[in-house]
Amino acid sequence: YALWEFGRTEEALEHAERAVEIDPRFGQAWYNRGFFLNERGLAGEALAAFDNAVRLGYRSADLLEEKAIALESVGEDERAEEVAEEAEELRSSNEQTLIDDETGLQE
């Protein structure tokens, strides 16, 4: 992400694609690839990458939020809204788990 933050989006995408080539079973690599494709306006390809990430067991609120953005970009507004809601539910659940874990540690 450092390359992307410094505006070197092409290089960031190349690194993400290389990671997928090295280990095509690494779900986060597929998410990263999808993120950079989405940033470059390649929503269709990004969706395929996000779907691969999920298929490989990588699922996060960030992934779902990016997928919702990509779905909206390709005109699938209803599905985008569903996925965005799923992302919010997952984020809330994760936050509650952290709170519960922290509370349990303090008892």
N, C-alpha and C. Protein backbone atom coordinates (compact mmCIF):
# COMPACT_ATOMS: atom_id res chain seq x y z
N TYR A 1 0.81 -1.20 0.00
CA TYR A 1 0.00 0.00 0.00
C TYR A 1 0.85 1.26 0.00
N ALA A 2 2.11 1.14 0.42
CA ALA A 2 2.98 2.32 0.43
C ALA A 2 3.14 2.87 -0.98
N LEU A 3 3.31 1.99 -1.97
CA LEU A 3 3.44 2.46 -3.35
C LEU A 3 2.18 3.21 -3.77
N TRP A 4 1.03 2.67 -3.44
CA TRP A 4 -0.23 3.30 -3.80
C TRP A 4 -0.35 4.66 -3.12
N GLU A 5 0.01 4.74 -1.84
CA GLU A 5 -0.09 6.00 -1.11
C GLU A 5 0.79 7.09 -1.71
N PHE A 6 1.89 6.68 -2.35
CA PHE A 6 2.78 7.66 -2.97
C PHE A 6 2.45 7.87 -4.44
N GLY A 7 1.27 7.42 -4.86
CA GLY A 7 0.82 7.65 -6.22
C GLY A 7 1.40 6.71 -7.25
N ARG A 8 2.06 5.68 -6.80
CA ARG A 8 2.67 4.72 -7.74
C ARG A 8 1.73 3.53 -7.91
N THR A 9 0.54 3.83 -8.44
CA THR A 9 -0.52 2.83 -8.52
C THR A 9 -0.19 1.68 -9.46
N GLU A 10 0.48 1.98 -10.55
CA GLU A 10 0.85 0.92 -11.50
C GLU A 10 1.78 -0.09 -10.84
N GLU A 11 2.77 0.42 -10.12
CA GLU A 11 3.70 -0.48 -9.41
C GLU A 11 2.99 -1.26 -8.32
N ALA A 12 2.08 -0.61 -7.63
CA ALA A 12 1.33 -1.29 -6.57
C ALA A 12 0.55 -2.46 -7.15
N LEU A 13 -0.10 -2.22 -8.29
CA LEU A 13 -0.85 -3.29 -8.95
C LEU A 13 0.08 -4.41 -9.40
N GLU A 14 1.23 -4.05 -9.94
CA GLU A 14 2.20 -5.07 -10.37
C GLU A 14 2.63 -5.95 -9.20
N HIS A 15 2.87 -5.34 -8.05
CA HIS A 15 3.27 -6.11 -6.86
C HIS A 15 2.14 -7.03 -6.41
N ALA A 16 0.92 -6.53 -6.45
CA ALA A 16 -0.23 -7.34 -6.06
C ALA A 16 -0.41 -8.52 -7.02
N GLU A 17 -0.22 -8.26 -8.30
CA GLU A 17 -0.35 -9.34 -9.28
C GLU A 17 0.76 -10.37 -9.11
N ARG A 18 1.94 -9.90 -8.78
CA ARG A 18 3.06 -10.82 -8.53
C ARG A 18 2.77 -11.71 -7.32
N ALA A 19 2.18 -11.13 -6.28
CA ALA A 19 1.83 -11.91 -5.08
C ALA A 19 0.84 -13.02 -5.43
N VAL A 20 -0.12 -12.72 -6.30
CA VAL A 20 -1.10 -13.72 -6.72
C VAL A 20 -0.40 -14.81 -7.53
N GLU A 21 0.56 -14.43 -8.36
CA GLU A 21 1.31 -15.43 -9.14
C GLU A 21 2.11 -16.34 -8.23
N ILE A 22 2.74 -15.77 -7.22
CA ILE A 22 3.57 -16.55 -6.30
C ILE A 22 2.72 -17.55 -5.53
N ASP A 23 1.57 -17.10 -5.01
CA ASP A 23 0.70 -18.00 -4.26
C ASP A 23 -0.76 -17.69 -4.58
N PRO A 24 -1.30 -18.35 -5.60
CA PRO A 24 -2.67 -18.08 -6.01
C PRO A 24 -3.72 -18.50 -4.97
N ARG A 25 -3.29 -19.15 -3.90
CA ARG A 25 -4.23 -19.56 -2.85
C ARG A 25 -4.24 -18.58 -1.68
N PHE A 26 -3.52 -17.47 -1.81
CA PHE A 26 -3.42 -16.47 -0.74
C PHE A 26 -4.52 -15.43 -0.94
N GLY A 27 -5.58 -15.56 -0.17
CA GLY A 27 -6.76 -14.71 -0.33
C GLY A 27 -6.48 -13.23 -0.21
N GLN A 28 -5.61 -12.84 0.72
CA GLN A 28 -5.35 -11.41 0.89
C GLN A 28 -4.65 -10.83 -0.34
N ALA A 29 -3.86 -11.64 -1.02
CA ALA A 29 -3.22 -11.16 -2.26
C ALA A 29 -4.29 -10.84 -3.31
N TRP A 30 -5.32 -11.68 -3.37
CA TRP A 30 -6.42 -11.41 -4.30
C TRP A 30 -7.17 -10.15 -3.91
N TYR A 31 -7.36 -9.95 -2.61
CA TYR A 31 -8.01 -8.72 -2.15
C TYR A 31 -7.17 -7.50 -2.56
N ASN A 32 -5.86 -7.57 -2.32
CA ASN A 32 -4.99 -6.45 -2.68
C ASN A 32 -5.07 -6.16 -4.17
N ARG A 33 -5.04 -7.22 -4.98
CA ARG A 33 -5.13 -7.05 -6.43
C ARG A 33 -6.45 -6.36 -6.78
N GLY A 34 -7.54 -6.83 -6.17
CA GLY A 34 -8.84 -6.23 -6.43
C GLY A 34 -8.90 -4.77 -6.02
N PHE A 35 -8.30 -4.46 -4.89
CA PHE A 35 -8.27 -3.07 -4.41
C PHE A 35 -7.61 -2.16 -5.43
N PHE A 36 -6.43 -2.57 -5.92
CA PHE A 36 -5.71 -1.71 -6.86
C PHE A 36 -6.40 -1.65 -8.22
N LEU A 37 -7.01 -2.75 -8.65
CA LEU A 37 -7.79 -2.72 -9.89
C LEU A 37 -8.97 -1.76 -9.75
N ASN A 38 -9.63 -1.82 -8.61
CA ASN A 38 -10.76 -0.94 -8.35
C ASN A 38 -10.33 0.52 -8.38
N GLU A 39 -9.18 0.81 -7.78
CA GLU A 39 -8.65 2.18 -7.76
C GLU A 39 -8.35 2.69 -9.17
N ARG A 40 -8.04 1.78 -10.07
CA ARG A 40 -7.73 2.17 -11.45
C ARG A 40 -8.97 2.19 -12.34
N GLY A 41 -10.13 1.92 -11.74
CA GLY A 41 -11.37 1.96 -12.51
C GLY A 41 -11.71 0.68 -13.24
N LEU A 42 -11.06 -0.41 -12.88
CA LEU A 42 -11.29 -1.70 -13.52
C LEU A 42 -12.18 -2.56 -12.61
N ALA A 43 -13.41 -2.10 -12.44
CA ALA A 43 -14.33 -2.70 -11.47
C ALA A 43 -14.65 -4.16 -11.78
N GLY A 44 -14.83 -4.49 -13.04
CA GLY A 44 -15.15 -5.88 -13.40
C GLY A 44 -14.05 -6.84 -12.99
N GLU A 45 -12.82 -6.48 -13.28
CA GLU A 45 -11.68 -7.31 -12.88
C GLU A 45 -11.52 -7.33 -11.37
N ALA A 46 -11.79 -6.20 -10.74
CA ALA A 46 -11.70 -6.12 -9.28
C ALA A 46 -12.70 -7.07 -8.64
N LEU A 47 -13.92 -7.12 -9.17
CA LEU A 47 -14.94 -8.03 -8.62
C LEU A 47 -14.49 -9.48 -8.69
N ALA A 48 -13.88 -9.86 -9.80
CA ALA A 48 -13.39 -11.24 -9.93
C ALA A 48 -12.32 -11.52 -8.87
N ALA A 49 -11.44 -10.55 -8.64
CA ALA A 49 -10.39 -10.72 -7.63
C ALA A 49 -11.00 -10.82 -6.23
N PHE A 50 -11.98 -9.97 -5.93
CA PHE A 50 -12.63 -10.03 -4.62
C PHE A 50 -13.33 -11.37 -4.42
N ASP A 51 -13.99 -11.85 -5.47
CA ASP A 51 -14.67 -13.15 -5.37
C ASP A 51 -13.66 -14.28 -5.13
N ASN A 52 -12.50 -14.20 -5.76
CA ASN A 52 -11.45 -15.20 -5.51
C ASN A 52 -11.00 -15.14 -4.06
N ALA A 53 -10.82 -13.95 -3.54
CA ALA A 53 -10.38 -13.79 -2.15
C ALA A 53 -11.37 -14.45 -1.20
N VAL A 54 -12.65 -14.20 -1.42
CA VAL A 54 -13.69 -14.78 -0.56
C VAL A 54 -13.71 -16.30 -0.72
N ARG A 55 -13.62 -16.77 -1.95
CA ARG A 55 -13.61 -18.21 -2.20
C ARG A 55 -12.46 -18.90 -1.47
N LEU A 56 -11.35 -18.18 -1.32
CA LEU A 56 -10.17 -18.73 -0.64
C LEU A 56 -10.20 -18.51 0.87
N GLY A 57 -11.30 -17.96 1.38
CA GLY A 57 -11.45 -17.83 2.82
C GLY A 57 -11.08 -16.48 3.40
N TYR A 58 -10.72 -15.52 2.55
CA TYR A 58 -10.40 -14.19 3.05
C TYR A 58 -11.66 -13.33 2.96
N ARG A 59 -12.13 -12.89 4.10
CA ARG A 59 -13.34 -12.07 4.14
C ARG A 59 -13.15 -11.02 5.22
N SER A 60 -13.33 -9.77 4.84
CA SER A 60 -13.19 -8.68 5.80
C SER A 60 -14.18 -7.58 5.43
N ALA A 61 -14.42 -6.70 6.38
CA ALA A 61 -15.30 -5.56 6.10
C ALA A 61 -14.71 -4.69 4.99
N ASP A 62 -13.39 -4.53 5.00
CA ASP A 62 -12.74 -3.73 3.95
C ASP A 62 -12.98 -4.34 2.58
N LEU A 63 -12.83 -5.65 2.48
CA LEU A 63 -13.06 -6.32 1.20
C LEU A 63 -14.50 -6.10 0.75
N LEU A 64 -15.44 -6.28 1.65
CA LEU A 64 -16.85 -6.11 1.28
C LEU A 64 -17.15 -4.67 0.89
N GLU A 65 -16.54 -3.70 1.56
CA GLU A 65 -16.75 -2.30 1.19
C GLU A 65 -16.21 -2.02 -0.21
N GLU A 66 -15.03 -2.54 -0.51
CA GLU A 66 -14.45 -2.34 -1.84
C GLU A 66 -15.29 -3.05 -2.90
N LYS A 67 -15.80 -4.23 -2.56
CA LYS A 67 -16.65 -4.96 -3.50
C LYS A 67 -17.92 -4.17 -3.77
N ALA A 68 -18.49 -3.55 -2.75
CA ALA A 68 -19.69 -2.73 -2.93
C ALA A 68 -19.41 -1.56 -3.88
N ILE A 69 -18.26 -0.95 -3.73
CA ILE A 69 -17.87 0.16 -4.62
C ILE A 69 -17.77 -0.33 -6.07
N ALA A 70 -17.14 -1.50 -6.24
CA ALA A 70 -16.99 -2.06 -7.59
C ALA A 70 -18.36 -2.41 -8.18
N LEU A 71 -19.23 -3.00 -7.37
CA LEU A 71 -20.57 -3.34 -7.86
C LEU A 71 -21.32 -2.09 -8.30
N GLU A 72 -21.20 -1.04 -7.53
CA GLU A 72 -21.85 0.22 -7.89
C GLU A 72 -21.29 0.75 -9.21
N SER A 73 -19.99 0.60 -9.39
CA SER A 73 -19.33 1.08 -10.62
C SER A 73 -19.83 0.37 -11.86
N VAL A 74 -20.23 -0.90 -11.71
CA VAL A 74 -20.73 -1.65 -12.87
C VAL A 74 -22.26 -1.62 -12.94
N GLY A 75 -22.87 -0.75 -12.13
CA GLY A 75 -24.31 -0.56 -12.22
C GLY A 75 -25.16 -1.54 -11.43
N GLU A 76 -24.55 -2.33 -10.58
CA GLU A 76 -25.30 -3.28 -9.75
C GLU A 76 -25.59 -2.65 -8.39
N ASP A 77 -26.39 -1.59 -8.43
CA ASP A 77 -26.64 -0.79 -7.23
C ASP A 77 -27.31 -1.56 -6.10
N GLU A 78 -28.29 -2.39 -6.43
CA GLU A 78 -28.98 -3.15 -5.40
C GLU A 78 -28.03 -4.11 -4.68
N ARG A 79 -27.27 -4.84 -5.47
CA ARG A 79 -26.30 -5.78 -4.90
C ARG A 79 -25.24 -5.02 -4.12
N ALA A 80 -24.82 -3.86 -4.62
CA ALA A 80 -23.83 -3.03 -3.92
C ALA A 80 -24.33 -2.64 -2.54
N GLU A 81 -25.60 -2.28 -2.46
CA GLU A 81 -26.18 -1.90 -1.18
C GLU A 81 -26.20 -3.09 -0.21
N GLU A 82 -26.55 -4.26 -0.72
CA GLU A 82 -26.56 -5.47 0.12
C GLU A 82 -25.18 -5.77 0.67
N VAL A 83 -24.17 -5.68 -0.19
CA VAL A 83 -22.80 -5.98 0.22
C VAL A 83 -22.30 -4.92 1.20
N ALA A 84 -22.66 -3.66 0.98
CA ALA A 84 -22.26 -2.59 1.91
C ALA A 84 -22.87 -2.83 3.29
N GLU A 85 -24.12 -3.27 3.33
CA GLU A 85 -24.77 -3.59 4.61
C GLU A 85 -24.07 -4.76 5.29
N GLU A 86 -23.70 -5.76 4.50
CA GLU A 86 -22.96 -6.91 5.03
C GLU A 86 -21.62 -6.46 5.62
N ALA A 87 -20.96 -5.53 4.95
CA ALA A 87 -19.69 -5.00 5.44
C ALA A 87 -19.88 -4.30 6.78
N GLU A 88 -20.93 -3.50 6.88
CA GLU A 88 -21.21 -2.78 8.12
C GLU A 88 -21.52 -3.75 9.26
N GLU A 89 -22.30 -4.79 8.97
CA GLU A 89 -22.61 -5.79 9.98
C GLU A 89 -21.35 -6.50 10.46
N LEU A 90 -20.48 -6.86 9.52
CA LEU A 90 -19.24 -7.53 9.88
C LEU A 90 -18.34 -6.62 10.71
N ARG A 91 -18.24 -5.36 10.30
CA ARG A 91 -17.42 -4.40 11.04
C ARG A 91 -17.96 -4.23 12.46
N SER A 92 -19.28 -4.10 12.61
CA SER A 92 -19.89 -3.96 13.93
C SER A 92 -19.65 -5.20 14.78
N SER A 93 -19.78 -6.36 14.17
CA SER A 93 -19.56 -7.62 14.89
C SER A 93 -18.11 -7.72 15.35
N ASN A 94 -17.19 -7.35 14.48
CA ASN A 94 -15.76 -7.40 14.85
C ASN A 94 -15.46 -6.42 15.98
N GLU A 95 -16.05 -5.23 15.92
CA GLU A 95 -15.84 -4.24 16.98
C GLU A 95 -16.41 -4.74 18.30
N GLN A 96 -17.58 -5.37 18.25
CA GLN A 96 -18.19 -5.89 19.47
C GLN A 96 -17.33 -7.01 20.06
N THR A 97 -16.76 -7.84 19.21
CA THR A 97 -15.88 -8.91 19.68
C THR A 97 -14.68 -8.32 20.39
N LEU A 98 -14.10 -7.25 19.83
CA LEU A 98 -12.97 -6.60 20.48
C LEU A 98 -13.35 -6.03 21.84
N ILE A 99 -14.52 -5.41 21.89
CA ILE A 99 -14.99 -4.85 23.17
C ILE A 99 -15.21 -5.97 24.18
N ASP A 100 -15.85 -7.04 23.75
CA ASP A 100 -16.10 -8.17 24.64
C ASP A 100 -14.79 -8.78 25.13
N ASP A 101 -13.82 -8.93 24.22
CA ASP A 101 -12.52 -9.48 24.60
C ASP A 101 -11.83 -8.58 25.60
N GLU A 102 -11.87 -7.27 25.36
CA GLU A 102 -11.24 -6.31 26.27
C GLU A 102 -11.92 -6.33 27.63
N THR A 103 -13.22 -6.39 27.64
CA THR A 103 -13.97 -6.44 28.89
C THR A 103 -13.63 -7.71 29.66
N GLY A 104 -13.52 -8.81 28.95
CA GLY A 104 -13.16 -10.08 29.58
C GLY A 104 -11.78 -10.06 30.19
N LEU A 105 -10.87 -9.33 29.58
CA LEU A 105 -9.50 -9.23 30.10
C LEU A 105 -9.46 -8.39 31.37
N GLN A 106 -10.37 -7.44 31.49
CA GLN A 106 -10.35 -6.54 32.65
C GLN A 106 -11.05 -7.13 33.86
N GLU A 107 -11.83 -8.17 33.67
CA GLU A 107 -12.57 -8.76 34.81
C GLU A 107 -11.68 -9.56 35.71
